[in-house]
Protein backbone atom coordinates (compact mmCIF):
# COMPACT_ATOMS: atom_id res chain seq x y z
CA MET A 1 -75.23 64.38 -36.44
CA ARG A 2 -73.45 67.53 -35.32
CA LYS A 3 -72.90 68.57 -38.95
CA ILE A 4 -76.58 68.05 -39.76
CA LEU A 5 -77.66 70.13 -36.76
CA ASN A 6 -75.18 72.89 -37.60
CA ASN A 7 -76.39 73.03 -41.21
CA SER A 8 -80.06 73.06 -40.17
CA PHE A 9 -79.56 75.88 -37.69
CA THR A 10 -77.46 77.82 -40.20
CA ILE A 11 -80.23 77.63 -42.82
CA ILE A 12 -82.86 78.73 -40.30
CA THR A 13 -80.66 81.57 -39.04
CA VAL A 14 -79.92 82.79 -42.57
CA GLY A 15 -83.64 82.68 -43.36
CA LEU A 16 -84.47 84.77 -40.29
CA PHE A 17 -81.69 87.22 -41.11
CA VAL A 18 -83.08 87.68 -44.65
CA LEU A 19 -86.58 88.26 -43.24
CA TRP A 20 -85.08 90.77 -40.83
CA LEU A 21 -83.53 92.68 -43.76
CA ILE A 22 -86.80 92.58 -45.72
CA LEU A 23 -89.00 93.48 -42.77
CA PRO A 24 -86.73 95.50 -40.44
CA ASP A 25 -89.64 97.16 -38.64
CA LYS A 26 -91.01 93.90 -37.29
CA PRO A 27 -90.12 93.58 -33.60
CA TYR A 28 -88.17 90.85 -31.83
CA TRP A 29 -85.93 89.79 -34.76
CA GLU A 30 -82.75 90.23 -32.68
CA ALA A 31 -84.25 88.36 -29.73
CA THR A 32 -85.49 85.53 -31.98
CA ILE A 33 -82.08 85.06 -33.60
CA GLY A 34 -80.38 85.22 -30.19
CA ILE A 35 -82.72 82.58 -28.76
CA LEU A 36 -82.08 80.41 -31.83
CA PHE A 37 -78.32 80.53 -31.30
CA ILE A 38 -78.73 79.55 -27.64
CA ALA A 39 -81.06 76.69 -28.60
CA LYS A 40 -78.53 75.54 -31.18
CA GLU A 41 -75.75 75.28 -28.61
CA VAL A 42 -77.95 73.49 -26.08
CA ILE A 43 -79.21 70.91 -28.58
CA ILE A 44 -75.75 70.27 -30.05
CA ARG A 45 -74.24 69.77 -26.58
CA TRP A 46 -77.07 67.39 -25.69
CA GLN A 47 -76.57 65.41 -28.89
CA MET A 48 -72.79 65.26 -28.39
CA ARG A 49 -73.31 63.99 -24.85
CA LYS A 50 -75.56 61.21 -26.20
CA ILE A 51 -72.93 60.31 -28.81
CA GLU A 52 -70.22 60.25 -26.13
CA VAL A 53 -72.27 57.90 -23.95
CA LEU A 54 -72.79 55.58 -26.91
CA GLU A 55 -69.08 55.70 -27.75
CA PHE A 56 -68.09 54.71 -24.24
CA SER A 57 -70.91 52.20 -23.67
CA PRO A 58 -68.67 49.12 -24.31
CA ALA A 59 -66.26 50.24 -21.57
CA ILE A 60 -69.13 51.05 -19.22
CA SER A 61 -70.70 47.64 -19.83
CA LEU A 62 -67.35 45.97 -19.08
CA ALA A 63 -67.09 47.97 -15.85
CA HIS A 64 -70.49 46.69 -14.70
CA GLY A 65 -69.57 43.10 -15.53
CA TYR A 66 -66.19 43.44 -13.82
CA VAL A 67 -67.61 44.88 -10.60
CA ASN A 68 -70.81 42.85 -10.34
CA ASN A 69 -69.56 39.50 -11.60
CA PHE A 70 -66.00 39.52 -10.27
CA LEU A 71 -64.87 42.33 -8.00
CA GLU A 72 -67.69 42.46 -5.44
CA PRO A 73 -68.02 38.64 -5.14
CA ALA A 74 -64.22 38.34 -4.83
CA ILE A 75 -64.05 40.89 -2.03
CA ASN A 76 -66.97 39.26 -0.23
CA GLU A 77 -65.20 35.91 -0.42
CA LEU A 78 -61.95 37.40 0.89
CA LEU A 79 -63.79 39.15 3.72
CA SER A 80 -65.49 35.93 4.74
CA LYS A 81 -62.15 34.10 4.83
CA TYR A 82 -59.76 36.68 6.21
CA GLY A 83 -61.84 39.25 8.06
CA ASN A 84 -62.34 42.94 7.46
CA ASP A 85 -58.72 43.86 6.73
CA VAL A 86 -58.77 43.33 2.95
CA LYS A 87 -56.91 45.55 0.49
CA PHE A 88 -57.65 45.01 -3.20
CA ILE A 89 -55.57 46.68 -5.90
CA ILE A 90 -56.75 47.14 -9.49
CA TYR A 91 -54.23 47.88 -12.22
CA ILE A 92 -55.39 50.56 -14.66
CA PRO A 93 -53.32 50.67 -17.87
CA HIS A 94 -52.47 53.76 -19.85
CA ASP A 95 -53.20 51.78 -23.00
CA LEU A 96 -54.41 48.24 -23.68
CA GLU A 97 -50.97 46.99 -24.71
CA GLU A 98 -49.96 47.12 -21.04
CA LEU A 99 -52.27 44.17 -20.44
CA SER A 100 -50.39 41.88 -22.84
CA ASP A 101 -48.79 38.76 -21.34
CA GLN A 102 -45.29 40.11 -21.92
CA GLN A 103 -45.89 43.45 -20.21
CA ILE A 104 -47.72 41.84 -17.28
CA ASP A 105 -44.78 39.46 -16.80
CA ARG A 106 -42.38 42.41 -16.73
CA MET A 107 -44.55 44.21 -14.18
CA LYS A 108 -44.56 41.14 -11.97
CA ILE A 109 -40.76 41.08 -12.14
CA GLN A 110 -40.70 44.77 -11.20
CA ILE A 111 -42.99 44.15 -8.20
CA GLU A 112 -40.72 41.36 -6.98
CA ALA A 113 -37.66 43.57 -7.53
CA ASP A 114 -39.27 46.12 -5.21
CA GLY A 115 -39.20 43.55 -2.42
CA TYR A 116 -42.67 42.03 -2.64
CA LYS A 117 -43.54 38.35 -2.73
CA LEU A 118 -46.05 37.36 -5.40
CA LYS A 119 -48.33 34.38 -5.36
CA GLU A 120 -51.19 33.45 -7.66
CA ILE A 121 -54.34 32.16 -6.01
CA LYS A 122 -57.62 30.96 -7.43
CA LEU A 123 -60.89 32.27 -6.02
CA LYS A 124 -63.56 29.58 -5.99
CA ARG A 125 -66.68 31.64 -6.51
CA LYS A 126 -70.14 30.29 -5.79
CA SER A 127 -71.13 30.88 -9.40
CA GLY A 128 -69.12 31.17 -12.58
CA ARG A 129 -65.57 30.08 -13.30
CA PRO A 130 -62.74 30.37 -10.75
CA HIS A 131 -60.68 33.52 -11.20
CA ASP A 132 -56.94 33.89 -10.69
CA ILE A 133 -55.66 36.87 -8.74
CA LEU A 134 -52.29 37.78 -7.26
CA THR A 135 -51.40 38.16 -3.61
CA ILE A 136 -48.69 40.70 -2.83
CA GLU A 137 -46.84 40.46 0.47
CA LYS A 138 -43.98 42.61 1.72
CA HIS A 139 -44.23 42.10 5.47
CA SER A 140 -45.36 38.89 7.08
CA GLY A 141 -49.13 38.99 7.55
CA SER A 142 -49.55 42.09 5.36
CA VAL A 143 -51.16 40.82 2.17
CA SER A 144 -52.81 42.74 -0.65
CA TYR A 145 -54.80 41.29 -3.53
CA PHE A 146 -53.98 42.45 -7.03
CA ASP A 147 -55.81 42.10 -10.34
CA PHE A 148 -55.03 43.02 -13.93
CA PRO A 149 -58.48 43.63 -15.52
CA ARG A 150 -57.74 41.82 -18.74
CA THR A 151 -61.40 42.04 -19.64
CA LEU A 152 -60.39 45.42 -21.11
CA LEU A 153 -58.62 43.59 -23.93
CA SER A 154 -62.02 42.81 -25.42
CA LEU A 155 -62.24 46.51 -26.31
CA GLN A 156 -59.54 46.09 -28.95
CA SER A 157 -61.96 44.79 -31.59
CA TYR A 158 -64.24 47.77 -30.93
CA ILE A 159 -61.29 50.16 -31.27
CA ASP A 160 -60.20 48.49 -34.53
CA TYR A 161 -63.73 48.85 -35.91
CA LYS A 162 -63.97 52.53 -34.96
CA VAL A 163 -60.58 53.31 -36.47
CA GLU A 164 -61.37 51.50 -39.71
CA THR A 165 -64.53 53.58 -40.15
CA ALA A 166 -62.79 56.89 -39.36
CA LYS A 167 -61.26 59.07 -42.07
CA ASN A 168 -58.28 61.41 -42.34
CA GLU A 169 -56.58 60.28 -39.14
CA LEU A 170 -53.52 58.16 -38.49
CA SER A 171 -54.74 54.73 -37.40
CA GLU A 172 -52.19 54.19 -34.61
CA GLU A 173 -52.73 57.65 -33.16
CA LYS A 174 -56.49 57.21 -33.29
CA GLN A 175 -56.26 53.77 -31.64
CA LEU A 176 -54.16 55.07 -28.77
CA ARG A 177 -56.41 58.06 -28.17
CA LEU A 178 -59.63 56.06 -28.27
CA GLY A 179 -58.10 53.30 -26.12
CA LYS A 180 -57.13 55.85 -23.47
CA LYS A 181 -60.63 57.33 -23.43
CA LEU A 182 -62.23 53.91 -23.09
CA VAL A 183 -59.89 52.90 -20.25
CA ASP A 184 -60.71 56.17 -18.47
CA ALA A 185 -64.43 55.51 -18.94
CA PHE A 186 -63.99 52.01 -17.52
CA LYS A 187 -62.10 53.28 -14.48
CA ASN A 188 -64.59 56.09 -13.81
CA GLU A 189 -67.53 53.68 -13.95
CA VAL A 190 -65.77 51.14 -11.72
CA GLN A 191 -65.06 53.94 -9.26
CA ARG A 192 -68.68 55.04 -9.32
CA LEU A 193 -69.90 51.51 -8.71
CA ILE A 194 -67.51 50.75 -5.84
CA THR A 195 -68.54 54.03 -4.22
CA LYS A 196 -72.19 53.04 -4.62
CA LYS A 197 -71.43 49.64 -3.06
CA ASN A 198 -69.46 51.18 -0.14
CA LEU A 199 -66.22 49.45 -1.15
CA ASN A 200 -63.99 52.52 -1.38
CA ASN A 201 -61.99 51.63 1.71
CA LYS A 202 -61.18 48.18 0.29
CA ILE A 203 -60.05 49.11 -3.22
CA HIS A 204 -57.53 51.40 -4.82
CA PHE A 205 -56.06 51.80 -8.29
CA VAL A 206 -52.47 51.76 -9.51
CA ASN A 207 -50.87 52.37 -12.87
CA LYS A 208 -47.50 51.36 -14.33
CA SER A 209 -45.68 53.39 -11.67
CA LEU A 210 -46.81 50.54 -9.34
CA GLU A 211 -47.15 52.66 -6.21
CA LEU A 212 -48.29 49.83 -3.98
């Protein structure tokens, strides 16, 4: 799309420039060409923004499902059981491989090595399937709730498709870069939604540094 727009504006600009050379006495040629260049940049930026939104739409859709179907109901259930003092931690990976079973197991070992007690509990939601989350406890009575958003793994098929249709780029490098962008889009949309739902004081994010 960007190439088509660039070529179209180039042809129009060249045509105006030729007319300017043929009819130099006609007024407003410089202004017309200047306005055309400005319009070109505005339209291209607008089109690129639309393309970017479409590219990240799978991650944004996952964020809505995660917040509306899991996160908010889970926090409401925890609040109803344990009162207002609820701290919910969401793990945000640098890349999707961090959500593999093996890496999650290693992170659990690291959390326990840092002096925390881990326990898996099952939230019995009013609708939908029960969902397993972790409780993390370091001091008696001080419990946090922790979730690895493995729903992000469903993005892998989308990433594979995008990489297969791309040209002149290393597949692994492209996968990592696109995966990082999609994870960032997911996190940003989750953050926007929890702010909208007034849940900021209940939720925070961690990465593999595990700053709990």
